[in-house]
Amino acid sequence: MFHPDNCDLLEKISGTFFGEINSILIRHWIIGVCKLMDPQSTKVKGETCENISIALIDTQTLKIMETEPKRSGDF
């Protein structure tokens, strides 16, 4: 792929190539952030699937805090 004769071609397309990669990464990041706002579970074909979301993490954290005994130094 890399050959001195290809330098001009690589320089011409590099901006477009890395611009596309940047757009793909930004879209992927936005979708990931949006998934955090999903409900804690979703029914798919009659089965309940947990979504890794803020709601699920909040619910699980509260359950842990309710079941664990208080330790000295805890707020």
PDB file of N, CA and C in Angstrom:
ATOM      1  N   MET A   1       0.824  -1.181   0.000  1.00  0.00           N
ATOM      2  CA  MET A   1       0.000   0.000   0.000  1.00  0.00           C
ATOM      3  C   MET A   1       0.874   1.253   0.000  1.00  0.00           C
ATOM      4  N   PHE A   2       1.812   1.301   0.958  1.00  0.00           N
ATOM      5  CA  PHE A   2       2.652   2.495   0.982  1.00  0.00           C
ATOM      6  C   PHE A   2       3.806   2.311   0.017  1.00  0.00           C
ATOM      7  N   HIS A   3       3.871   3.227  -0.867  1.00  0.00           N
ATOM      8  CA  HIS A   3       4.961   3.274  -1.841  1.00  0.00           C
ATOM      9  C   HIS A   3       5.164   4.752  -2.149  1.00  0.00           C
ATOM     10  N   PRO A   4       6.372   5.183  -2.352  1.00  0.00           N
ATOM     11  CA  PRO A   4       6.594   6.610  -2.618  1.00  0.00           C
ATOM     12  C   PRO A   4       5.708   7.176  -3.732  1.00  0.00           C
ATOM     13  N   ASP A   5       5.345   6.344  -4.686  1.00  0.00           N
ATOM     14  CA  ASP A   5       4.488   6.819  -5.777  1.00  0.00           C
ATOM     15  C   ASP A   5       3.061   7.098  -5.302  1.00  0.00           C
ATOM     16  N   ASN A   6       2.665   6.507  -4.175  1.00  0.00           N
ATOM     17  CA  ASN A   6       1.304   6.667  -3.667  1.00  0.00           C
ATOM     18  C   ASN A   6       1.154   7.844  -2.710  1.00  0.00           C
ATOM     19  N   CYS A   7       2.233   8.544  -2.400  1.00  0.00           N
ATOM     20  CA  CYS A   7       2.180   9.637  -1.418  1.00  0.00           C
ATOM     21  C   CYS A   7       1.143  10.698  -1.790  1.00  0.00           C
ATOM     22  N   ASP A   8       1.129  11.121  -3.031  1.00  0.00           N
ATOM     23  CA  ASP A   8       0.173  12.151  -3.436  1.00  0.00           C
ATOM     24  C   ASP A   8      -1.264  11.672  -3.263  1.00  0.00           C
ATOM     25  N   LEU A   9      -1.527  10.441  -3.660  1.00  0.00           N
ATOM     26  CA  LEU A   9      -2.866   9.880  -3.520  1.00  0.00           C
ATOM     27  C   LEU A   9      -3.272   9.809  -2.046  1.00  0.00           C
ATOM     28  N   LEU A  10      -2.361   9.311  -1.203  1.00  0.00           N
ATOM     29  CA  LEU A  10      -2.660   9.202   0.225  1.00  0.00           C
ATOM     30  C   LEU A  10      -2.912  10.572   0.853  1.00  0.00           C
ATOM     31  N   GLU A  11      -2.156  11.572   0.466  1.00  0.00           N
ATOM     32  CA  GLU A  11      -2.359  12.923   0.986  1.00  0.00           C
ATOM     33  C   GLU A  11      -3.696  13.496   0.546  1.00  0.00           C
ATOM     34  N   LYS A  12      -4.130  13.179  -0.666  1.00  0.00           N
ATOM     35  CA  LYS A  12      -5.401  13.696  -1.174  1.00  0.00           C
ATOM     36  C   LYS A  12      -6.593  13.071  -0.460  1.00  0.00           C
ATOM     37  N   ILE A  13      -6.533  11.785  -0.161  1.00  0.00           N
ATOM     38  CA  ILE A  13      -7.692  11.106   0.416  1.00  0.00           C
ATOM     39  C   ILE A  13      -7.679  11.054   1.934  1.00  0.00           C
ATOM     40  N   SER A  14      -6.560  11.410   2.564  1.00  0.00           N
ATOM     41  CA  SER A  14      -6.467  11.276   4.022  1.00  0.00           C
ATOM     42  C   SER A  14      -7.490  12.133   4.751  1.00  0.00           C
ATOM     43  N   GLY A  15      -7.736  13.355   4.302  1.00  0.00           N
ATOM     44  CA  GLY A  15      -8.713  14.221   4.960  1.00  0.00           C
ATOM     45  C   GLY A  15     -10.110  13.624   4.917  1.00  0.00           C
ATOM     46  N   THR A  16     -10.491  13.107   3.757  1.00  0.00           N
ATOM     47  CA  THR A  16     -11.802  12.480   3.610  1.00  0.00           C
ATOM     48  C   THR A  16     -11.893  11.228   4.466  1.00  0.00           C
ATOM     49  N   PHE A  17     -10.864  10.400   4.419  1.00  0.00           N
ATOM     50  CA  PHE A  17     -10.862   9.145   5.173  1.00  0.00           C
ATOM     51  C   PHE A  17     -10.988   9.403   6.672  1.00  0.00           C
ATOM     52  N   PHE A  18     -10.140  10.263   7.212  1.00  0.00           N
ATOM     53  CA  PHE A  18     -10.167  10.507   8.653  1.00  0.00           C
ATOM     54  C   PHE A  18     -11.399  11.319   9.062  1.00  0.00           C
ATOM     55  N   GLY A  19     -11.939  12.139   8.153  1.00  0.00           N
ATOM     56  CA  GLY A  19     -13.199  12.819   8.429  1.00  0.00           C
ATOM     57  C   GLY A  19     -14.340  11.828   8.584  1.00  0.00           C
ATOM     58  N   GLU A  20     -14.372  10.807   7.725  1.00  0.00           N
ATOM     59  CA  GLU A  20     -15.402   9.767   7.823  1.00  0.00           C
ATOM     60  C   GLU A  20     -15.239   8.964   9.112  1.00  0.00           C
ATOM     61  N   ILE A  21     -14.007   8.600   9.451  1.00  0.00           N
ATOM     62  CA  ILE A  21     -13.751   7.869  10.690  1.00  0.00           C
ATOM     63  C   ILE A  21     -14.216   8.697  11.886  1.00  0.00           C
ATOM     64  N   ASN A  22     -13.935   9.993  11.869  1.00  0.00           N
ATOM     65  CA  ASN A  22     -14.359  10.878  12.943  1.00  0.00           C
ATOM     66  C   ASN A  22     -15.886  10.899  13.054  1.00  0.00           C
ATOM     67  N   SER A  23     -16.586  10.999  11.941  1.00  0.00           N
ATOM     68  CA  SER A  23     -18.056  11.004  11.958  1.00  0.00           C
ATOM     69  C   SER A  23     -18.613   9.702  12.510  1.00  0.00           C
ATOM     70  N   ILE A  24     -18.032   8.585  12.118  1.00  0.00           N
ATOM     71  CA  ILE A  24     -18.475   7.278  12.601  1.00  0.00           C
ATOM     72  C   ILE A  24     -18.288   7.182  14.115  1.00  0.00           C
ATOM     73  N   LEU A  25     -17.136   7.608  14.612  1.00  0.00           N
ATOM     74  CA  LEU A  25     -16.874   7.547  16.045  1.00  0.00           C
ATOM     75  C   LEU A  25     -17.825   8.454  16.838  1.00  0.00           C
ATOM     76  N   ILE A  26     -18.106   9.631  16.319  1.00  0.00           N
ATOM     77  CA  ILE A  26     -19.022  10.545  17.005  1.00  0.00           C
ATOM     78  C   ILE A  26     -20.424   9.945  17.051  1.00  0.00           C
ATOM     79  N   ARG A  27     -20.906   9.394  15.921  1.00  0.00           N
ATOM     80  CA  ARG A  27     -22.238   8.760  15.909  1.00  0.00           C
ATOM     81  C   ARG A  27     -22.293   7.595  16.887  1.00  0.00           C
ATOM     82  N   HIS A  28     -21.238   6.796  16.925  1.00  0.00           N
ATOM     83  CA  HIS A  28     -21.189   5.652  17.841  1.00  0.00           C
ATOM     84  C   HIS A  28     -21.242   6.129  19.295  1.00  0.00           C
ATOM     85  N   TRP A  29     -20.532   7.189  19.606  1.00  0.00           N
ATOM     86  CA  TRP A  29     -20.524   7.749  20.959  1.00  0.00           C
ATOM     87  C   TRP A  29     -21.909   8.269  21.324  1.00  0.00           C
ATOM     88  N   ILE A  30     -22.567   8.980  20.414  1.00  0.00           N
ATOM     89  CA  ILE A  30     -23.898   9.525  20.679  1.00  0.00           C
ATOM     90  C   ILE A  30     -24.896   8.398  20.929  1.00  0.00           C
ATOM     91  N   ILE A  31     -24.839   7.343  20.128  1.00  0.00           N
ATOM     92  CA  ILE A  31     -25.740   6.202  20.323  1.00  0.00           C
ATOM     93  C   ILE A  31     -25.490   5.565  21.691  1.00  0.00           C
ATOM     94  N   GLY A  32     -24.235   5.431  22.086  1.00  0.00           N
ATOM     95  CA  GLY A  32     -23.909   4.874  23.400  1.00  0.00           C
ATOM     96  C   GLY A  32     -24.474   5.702  24.537  1.00  0.00           C
ATOM     97  N   VAL A  33     -24.380   7.018  24.428  1.00  0.00           N
ATOM     98  CA  VAL A  33     -24.929   7.902  25.458  1.00  0.00           C
ATOM     99  C   VAL A  33     -26.453   7.788  25.483  1.00  0.00           C
ATOM    100  N   CYS A  34     -27.069   7.716  24.312  1.00  0.00           N
ATOM    101  CA  CYS A  34     -28.536   7.573  24.251  1.00  0.00           C
ATOM    102  C   CYS A  34     -28.994   6.260  24.880  1.00  0.00           C
ATOM    103  N   LYS A  35     -28.220   5.203  24.710  1.00  0.00           N
ATOM    104  CA  LYS A  35     -28.580   3.911  25.302  1.00  0.00           C
ATOM    105  C   LYS A  35     -28.603   3.984  26.826  1.00  0.00           C
ATOM    106  N   LEU A  36     -27.802   4.853  27.411  1.00  0.00           N
ATOM    107  CA  LEU A  36     -27.802   5.004  28.864  1.00  0.00           C
ATOM    108  C   LEU A  36     -29.137   5.536  29.372  1.00  0.00           C
ATOM    109  N   MET A  37     -29.904   6.177  28.514  1.00  0.00           N
ATOM    110  CA  MET A  37     -31.191   6.732  28.903  1.00  0.00           C
ATOM    111  C   MET A  37     -32.333   5.736  28.698  1.00  0.00           C
ATOM    112  N   ASP A  38     -32.057   4.545  28.187  1.00  0.00           N
ATOM    113  CA  ASP A  38     -33.080   3.520  27.976  1.00  0.00           C
ATOM    114  C   ASP A  38     -33.683   3.087  29.306  1.00  0.00           C
ATOM    115  N   PRO A  39     -34.873   2.464  29.263  1.00  0.00           N
ATOM    116  CA  PRO A  39     -35.424   1.903  30.497  1.00  0.00           C
ATOM    117  C   PRO A  39     -34.536   0.768  30.996  1.00  0.00           C
ATOM    118  N   GLN A  40     -34.722   0.365  32.255  1.00  0.00           N
ATOM    119  CA  GLN A  40     -33.821  -0.650  32.814  1.00  0.00           C
ATOM    120  C   GLN A  40     -34.033  -2.029  32.219  1.00  0.00           C
ATOM    121  N   SER A  41     -35.195  -2.289  31.613  1.00  0.00           N
ATOM    122  CA  SER A  41     -35.410  -3.580  30.967  1.00  0.00           C
ATOM    123  C   SER A  41     -36.339  -3.409  29.773  1.00  0.00           C
ATOM    124  N   THR A  42     -36.244  -4.359  28.836  1.00  0.00           N
ATOM    125  CA  THR A  42     -37.055  -4.355  27.635  1.00  0.00           C
ATOM    126  C   THR A  42     -37.529  -5.778  27.384  1.00  0.00           C
ATOM    127  N   LYS A  43     -38.770  -5.921  26.946  1.00  0.00           N
ATOM    128  CA  LYS A  43     -39.268  -7.252  26.593  1.00  0.00           C
ATOM    129  C   LYS A  43     -38.991  -7.513  25.120  1.00  0.00           C
ATOM    130  N   VAL A  44     -38.336  -8.646  24.855  1.00  0.00           N
ATOM    131  CA  VAL A  44     -38.037  -9.063  23.492  1.00  0.00           C
ATOM    132  C   VAL A  44     -38.550 -10.483  23.337  1.00  0.00           C
ATOM    133  N   LYS A  45     -39.531 -10.663  22.459  1.00  0.00           N
ATOM    134  CA  LYS A  45     -40.125 -11.980  22.204  1.00  0.00           C
ATOM    135  C   LYS A  45     -40.570 -12.646  23.504  1.00  0.00           C
ATOM    136  N   GLY A  46     -41.174 -11.866  24.392  1.00  0.00           N
ATOM    137  CA  GLY A  46     -41.686 -12.402  25.643  1.00  0.00           C
ATOM    138  C   GLY A  46     -40.666 -12.529  26.761  1.00  0.00           C
ATOM    139  N   GLU A  47     -39.414 -12.329  26.481  1.00  0.00           N
ATOM    140  CA  GLU A  47     -38.368 -12.404  27.511  1.00  0.00           C
ATOM    141  C   GLU A  47     -37.948 -11.000  27.915  1.00  0.00           C
ATOM    142  N   THR A  48     -37.703 -10.816  29.198  1.00  0.00           N
ATOM    143  CA  THR A  48     -37.245  -9.525  29.692  1.00  0.00           C
ATOM    144  C   THR A  48     -35.723  -9.489  29.659  1.00  0.00           C
ATOM    145  N   CYS A  49     -35.200  -8.482  28.971  1.00  0.00           N
ATOM    146  CA  CYS A  49     -33.746  -8.295  28.873  1.00  0.00           C
ATOM    147  C   CYS A  49     -33.363  -7.020  29.606  1.00  0.00           C
ATOM    148  N   GLU A  50     -32.305  -7.103  30.411  1.00  0.00           N
ATOM    149  CA  GLU A  50     -31.817  -5.908  31.099  1.00  0.00           C
ATOM    150  C   GLU A  50     -31.028  -5.046  30.131  1.00  0.00           C
ATOM    151  N   ASN A  51     -31.267  -3.750  30.200  1.00  0.00           N
ATOM    152  CA  ASN A  51     -30.480  -2.782  29.438  1.00  0.00           C
ATOM    153  C   ASN A  51     -29.476  -2.155  30.385  1.00  0.00           C
ATOM    154  N   ILE A  52     -28.245  -2.057  29.959  1.00  0.00           N
ATOM    155  CA  ILE A  52     -27.261  -1.360  30.783  1.00  0.00           C
ATOM    156  C   ILE A  52     -27.564   0.132  30.638  1.00  0.00           C
ATOM    157  N   SER A  53     -28.248   0.657  31.647  1.00  0.00           N
ATOM    158  CA  SER A  53     -28.696   2.044  31.597  1.00  0.00           C
ATOM    159  C   SER A  53     -28.564   2.663  32.986  1.00  0.00           C
ATOM    160  N   ILE A  54     -28.748   3.966  33.027  1.00  0.00           N
ATOM    161  CA  ILE A  54     -28.663   4.664  34.304  1.00  0.00           C
ATOM    162  C   ILE A  54     -29.737   4.146  35.257  1.00  0.00           C
ATOM    163  N   ALA A  55     -30.934   3.870  34.722  1.00  0.00           N
ATOM    164  CA  ALA A  55     -32.031   3.371  35.564  1.00  0.00           C
ATOM    165  C   ALA A  55     -31.669   2.026  36.186  1.00  0.00           C
ATOM    166  N   LEU A  56     -31.060   1.135  35.424  1.00  0.00           N
ATOM    167  CA  LEU A  56     -30.669  -0.179  35.953  1.00  0.00           C
ATOM    168  C   LEU A  56     -29.581  -0.031  37.016  1.00  0.00           C
ATOM    169  N   ILE A  57     -28.587   0.771  36.736  1.00  0.00           N
ATOM    170  CA  ILE A  57     -27.489   0.974  37.693  1.00  0.00           C
ATOM    171  C   ILE A  57     -28.030   1.590  38.982  1.00  0.00           C
ATOM    172  N   ASP A  58     -28.945   2.549  38.862  1.00  0.00           N
ATOM    173  CA  ASP A  58     -29.548   3.185  40.039  1.00  0.00           C
ATOM    174  C   ASP A  58     -30.314   2.159  40.868  1.00  0.00           C
ATOM    175  N   THR A  59     -31.132   1.343  40.215  1.00  0.00           N
ATOM    176  CA  THR A  59     -31.916   0.326  40.920  1.00  0.00           C
ATOM    177  C   THR A  59     -31.013  -0.677  41.622  1.00  0.00           C
ATOM    178  N   GLN A  60     -29.992  -1.161  40.922  1.00  0.00           N
ATOM    179  CA  GLN A  60     -29.086  -2.145  41.522  1.00  0.00           C
ATOM    180  C   GLN A  60     -28.293  -1.548  42.671  1.00  0.00           C
ATOM    181  N   THR A  61     -27.878  -0.299  42.547  1.00  0.00           N
ATOM    182  CA  THR A  61     -27.142   0.363  43.624  1.00  0.00           C
ATOM    183  C   THR A  61     -28.012   0.509  44.861  1.00  0.00           C
ATOM    184  N   LEU A  62     -29.276   0.901  44.666  1.00  0.00           N
ATOM    185  CA  LEU A  62     -30.189   1.038  45.805  1.00  0.00           C
ATOM    186  C   LEU A  62     -30.427  -0.305  46.483  1.00  0.00           C
ATOM    187  N   LYS A  63     -30.565  -1.389  45.710  1.00  0.00           N
ATOM    188  CA  LYS A  63     -30.744  -2.720  46.294  1.00  0.00           C
ATOM    189  C   LYS A  63     -29.544  -3.112  47.139  1.00  0.00           C
ATOM    190  N   ILE A  64     -28.352  -2.841  46.634  1.00  0.00           N
ATOM    191  CA  ILE A  64     -27.129  -3.177  47.379  1.00  0.00           C
ATOM    192  C   ILE A  64     -27.072  -2.377  48.675  1.00  0.00           C
ATOM    193  N   MET A  65     -27.406  -1.098  48.586  1.00  0.00           N
ATOM    194  CA  MET A  65     -27.348  -0.243  49.774  1.00  0.00           C
ATOM    195  C   MET A  65     -28.374  -0.670  50.818  1.00  0.00           C
ATOM    196  N   GLU A  66     -29.521  -1.178  50.379  1.00  0.00           N
ATOM    197  CA  GLU A  66     -30.551  -1.617  51.311  1.00  0.00           C
ATOM    198  C   GLU A  66     -30.199  -2.936  51.983  1.00  0.00           C
ATOM    199  N   THR A  67     -29.504  -3.822  51.282  1.00  0.00           N
ATOM    200  CA  THR A  67     -29.217  -5.152  51.818  1.00  0.00           C
ATOM    201  C   THR A  67     -27.934  -5.207  52.638  1.00  0.00           C
ATOM    202  N   GLU A  68     -26.973  -4.359  52.349  1.00  0.00           N
ATOM    203  CA  GLU A  68     -25.711  -4.390  53.091  1.00  0.00           C
ATOM    204  C   GLU A  68     -25.873  -3.693  54.434  1.00  0.00           C
ATOM    205  N   PRO A  69     -25.285  -4.271  55.465  1.00  0.00           N
ATOM    206  CA  PRO A  69     -25.357  -3.608  56.775  1.00  0.00           C
ATOM    207  C   PRO A  69     -24.528  -2.329  56.771  1.00  0.00           C
ATOM    208  N   LYS A  70     -24.957  -1.387  57.562  1.00  0.00           N
ATOM    209  CA  LYS A  70     -24.219  -0.127  57.692  1.00  0.00           C
ATOM    210  C   LYS A  70     -22.882  -0.359  58.359  1.00  0.00           C
ATOM    211  N   ARG A  71     -21.876   0.297  57.874  1.00  0.00           N
ATOM    212  CA  ARG A  71     -20.541   0.228  58.486  1.00  0.00           C
ATOM    213  C   ARG A  71     -20.214   1.586  59.058  1.00  0.00           C
ATOM    214  N   SER A  72     -19.380   1.607  60.033  1.00  0.00           N
ATOM    215  CA  SER A  72     -18.990   2.895  60.603  1.00  0.00           C
ATOM    216  C   SER A  72     -18.209   3.666  59.540  1.00  0.00           C
ATOM    217  N   GLY A  73     -18.458   4.936  59.478  1.00  0.00           N
ATOM    218  CA  GLY A  73     -17.799   5.758  58.480  1.00  0.00           C
ATOM    219  C   GLY A  73     -18.638   5.958  57.243  1.00  0.00           C
ATOM    220  N   ASP A  74     -19.735   5.177  57.068  1.00  0.00           N
ATOM    221  CA  ASP A  74     -20.628   5.373  55.932  1.00  0.00           C
ATOM    222  C   ASP A  74     -21.508   6.587  56.171  1.00  0.00           C
ATOM    223  N   PHE A  75     -21.881   7.210  55.123  1.00  0.00           N
ATOM    224  CA  PHE A  75     -22.725   8.401  55.211  1.00  0.00           C
ATOM    225  C   PHE A  75     -24.167   8.010  55.149  1.00  0.00           C
TER     226      PHE A  75
END
